């Protein structure tokens, strides 16, 4: 994964996703997470910012719960 520093103190990865500035912490309440991000993501609505919730297949083809 290649990264580049931009002039506004954010890191940009190859996929175009911007990481927040150093020191920024993502620490939403359960209600904020559900109301502002997850509900809208599930229903295909616009999210408050571009790509705030990245989908990732952690287990790949391996399903440890089976």
C-alpha atoms as a PDB file:
ATOM      1  CA  UNK A   1       0.000   0.000   0.000  1.00  0.00           C
ATOM      2  CA  UNK A   2       1.624   3.232  -1.140  1.00  0.00           C
ATOM      3  CA  UNK A   3       0.868   6.453   0.688  1.00  0.00           C
ATOM      4  CA  UNK A   4       1.635  10.082   0.025  1.00  0.00           C
ATOM      5  CA  UNK A   5       1.497  13.073   2.362  1.00  0.00           C
ATOM      6  CA  UNK A   6      -0.579  15.995   1.104  1.00  0.00           C
ATOM      7  CA  UNK A   7      -0.261  19.645   2.073  1.00  0.00           C
ATOM      8  CA  UNK A   8      -3.327  19.465   4.337  1.00  0.00           C
ATOM      9  CA  UNK A   9      -1.700  16.924   6.708  1.00  0.00           C
ATOM     10  CA  UNK A  10      -3.726  13.960   5.477  1.00  0.00           C
ATOM     11  CA  UNK A  11      -2.427  10.703   4.055  1.00  0.00           C
ATOM     12  CA  UNK A  12      -3.760   9.497   0.715  1.00  0.00           C
ATOM     13  CA  UNK A  13      -3.582   5.802  -0.135  1.00  0.00           C
ATOM     14  CA  UNK A  14      -3.621   4.387  -3.683  1.00  0.00           C
ATOM     15  CA  UNK A  15      -7.367   3.756  -3.552  1.00  0.00           C
ATOM     16  CA  UNK A  16      -7.977   7.472  -2.976  1.00  0.00           C
ATOM     17  CA  UNK A  17      -9.169   7.064   0.617  1.00  0.00           C
ATOM     18  CA  UNK A  18      -7.974   9.902   2.813  1.00  0.00           C
ATOM     19  CA  UNK A  19      -6.812   9.164   6.329  1.00  0.00           C
ATOM     20  CA  UNK A  20      -7.438  11.845   8.956  1.00  0.00           C
ATOM     21  CA  UNK A  21      -4.667  14.077  10.230  1.00  0.00           C
ATOM     22  CA  UNK A  22      -2.340  12.746  12.915  1.00  0.00           C
ATOM     23  CA  UNK A  23      -3.999  12.908  16.338  1.00  0.00           C
ATOM     24  CA  UNK A  24      -7.554  12.633  15.020  1.00  0.00           C
ATOM     25  CA  UNK A  25      -9.526   9.869  16.738  1.00  0.00           C
ATOM     26  CA  UNK A  26     -12.682   8.208  15.417  1.00  0.00           C
ATOM     27  CA  UNK A  27     -14.676   7.516  18.559  1.00  0.00           C
ATOM     28  CA  UNK A  28     -18.423   7.803  17.789  1.00  0.00           C
ATOM     29  CA  UNK A  29     -21.138   6.792  20.226  1.00  0.00           C
ATOM     30  CA  UNK A  30     -23.222   3.731  19.334  1.00  0.00           C
ATOM     31  CA  UNK A  31     -26.122   6.010  18.388  1.00  0.00           C
ATOM     32  CA  UNK A  32     -23.946   8.202  16.124  1.00  0.00           C
ATOM     33  CA  UNK A  33     -22.524   5.145  14.396  1.00  0.00           C
ATOM     34  CA  UNK A  34     -25.955   3.641  13.730  1.00  0.00           C
ATOM     35  CA  UNK A  35     -27.874   6.834  12.868  1.00  0.00           C
ATOM     36  CA  UNK A  36     -25.263   8.638  10.754  1.00  0.00           C
ATOM     37  CA  UNK A  37     -23.291   5.809   9.153  1.00  0.00           C
ATOM     38  CA  UNK A  38     -24.590   2.241   9.317  1.00  0.00           C
ATOM     39  CA  UNK A  39     -28.308   2.926   8.702  1.00  0.00           C
ATOM     40  CA  UNK A  40     -27.499   5.061   5.660  1.00  0.00           C
ATOM     41  CA  UNK A  41     -24.925   2.581   4.334  1.00  0.00           C
ATOM     42  CA  UNK A  42     -27.371  -0.345   4.546  1.00  0.00           C
ATOM     43  CA  UNK A  43     -30.140   1.661   2.846  1.00  0.00           C
ATOM     44  CA  UNK A  44     -27.869   3.018   0.084  1.00  0.00           C
ATOM     45  CA  UNK A  45     -28.220   6.644   1.227  1.00  0.00           C
ATOM     46  CA  UNK A  46     -25.466   9.243   1.040  1.00  0.00           C
ATOM     47  CA  UNK A  47     -23.003   9.137   3.925  1.00  0.00           C
ATOM     48  CA  UNK A  48     -21.800  12.220   5.849  1.00  0.00           C
ATOM     49  CA  UNK A  49     -18.355  12.001   4.230  1.00  0.00           C
ATOM     50  CA  UNK A  50     -16.881  10.031   1.327  1.00  0.00           C
ATOM     51  CA  UNK A  51     -15.847   6.455   2.207  1.00  0.00           C
ATOM     52  CA  UNK A  52     -16.236   6.688   6.002  1.00  0.00           C
ATOM     53  CA  UNK A  53     -17.059   2.981   6.300  1.00  0.00           C
ATOM     54  CA  UNK A  54     -14.756   0.738   4.288  1.00  0.00           C
ATOM     55  CA  UNK A  55     -15.885  -2.793   3.571  1.00  0.00           C
ATOM     56  CA  UNK A  56     -13.249  -5.440   4.160  1.00  0.00           C
ATOM     57  CA  UNK A  57     -13.453  -9.226   3.797  1.00  0.00           C
ATOM     58  CA  UNK A  58     -11.323 -10.111   6.819  1.00  0.00           C
ATOM     59  CA  UNK A  59     -11.649 -13.887   6.507  1.00  0.00           C
ATOM     60  CA  UNK A  60     -11.594 -14.205   2.708  1.00  0.00           C
ATOM     61  CA  UNK A  61     -12.920 -17.626   1.726  1.00  0.00           C
ATOM     62  CA  UNK A  62     -12.206 -19.051   5.179  1.00  0.00           C
ATOM     63  CA  UNK A  63     -15.310 -18.999   7.422  1.00  0.00           C
ATOM     64  CA  UNK A  64     -14.087 -19.865  10.954  1.00  0.00           C
ATOM     65  CA  UNK A  65     -17.654 -19.985  12.320  1.00  0.00           C
ATOM     66  CA  UNK A  66     -18.566 -22.969  10.096  1.00  0.00           C
END
